[in-house]
Each structure stands twice: as C-alpha cells, then as structure tokens.
Amino acid sequence: MSDAAIVLLVMTAGTYVLKSAGPLVLGTRRLPASVQQLVDLLPAALLASLALVSTLGDGQRLVVDARVVGLAVAGLALWRRLPFVVVIVLASAATAIVRLVS
C-alpha cells in the first residue's frame, strides 16, 4: 500500500471520528447561540481561505496572475447569485482570456 493511500485512509478515519464526536458528545443538547453562529460561518471562512491560498500562493511567495481575475469574477458572479456552473464557466473564461492576452 502506498504512502498516499495510507494518508487517505487515516484522514478518512479521522474525519469520521471527528464528525461522529459532535453528536456523541452533545447528545440532544443544543450549542449556545453564539457558538452555533460561529460554527455556521466556519465553512464559508475555510473555503474562502482555501481559495485565496490556492490562488495567491506559490510555495513561499505571493503571486498575482490571471487566477486573481478568475477569482474576482467568481466572487462577482457569486454575489449576483448566479448558478454555480455559470460561476465556474465565467471564472474559467476570465482566467483563460487574461492568460491569452498576457
């Protein structure tokens, strides 16, 4: 078994353990409202940070290139509440056009 397969299996098991820990620990109790609001915002914050890191990061450096334009177009499209497929197509097209021109 390769190292990547082992890492994948460990991460999968860890994810299931973490996801099942919440209901087992909390039972039927509800989180306080302030904690629940924070938990509700975490996925969006994590996805935004992942998008920024993968767009602007290149190893140890910050890079501003065509991907920034694609990310900006995607942000605008999401703000306008366009369907997700349209967001992806617009962002890809914007990135491709900038790469073609530059």
Foldseek 3Di string as FASTA:
>chain_A
DDPVVVVVVVVVVVVVVVVVVVCVVQPPHDDPPVVVVVVVCVVVVVVVVVLLCVQQPDPPGGDDALLVQLVVQLVVCVVVVHDPVVSNVRSVVSSVVRVVVD
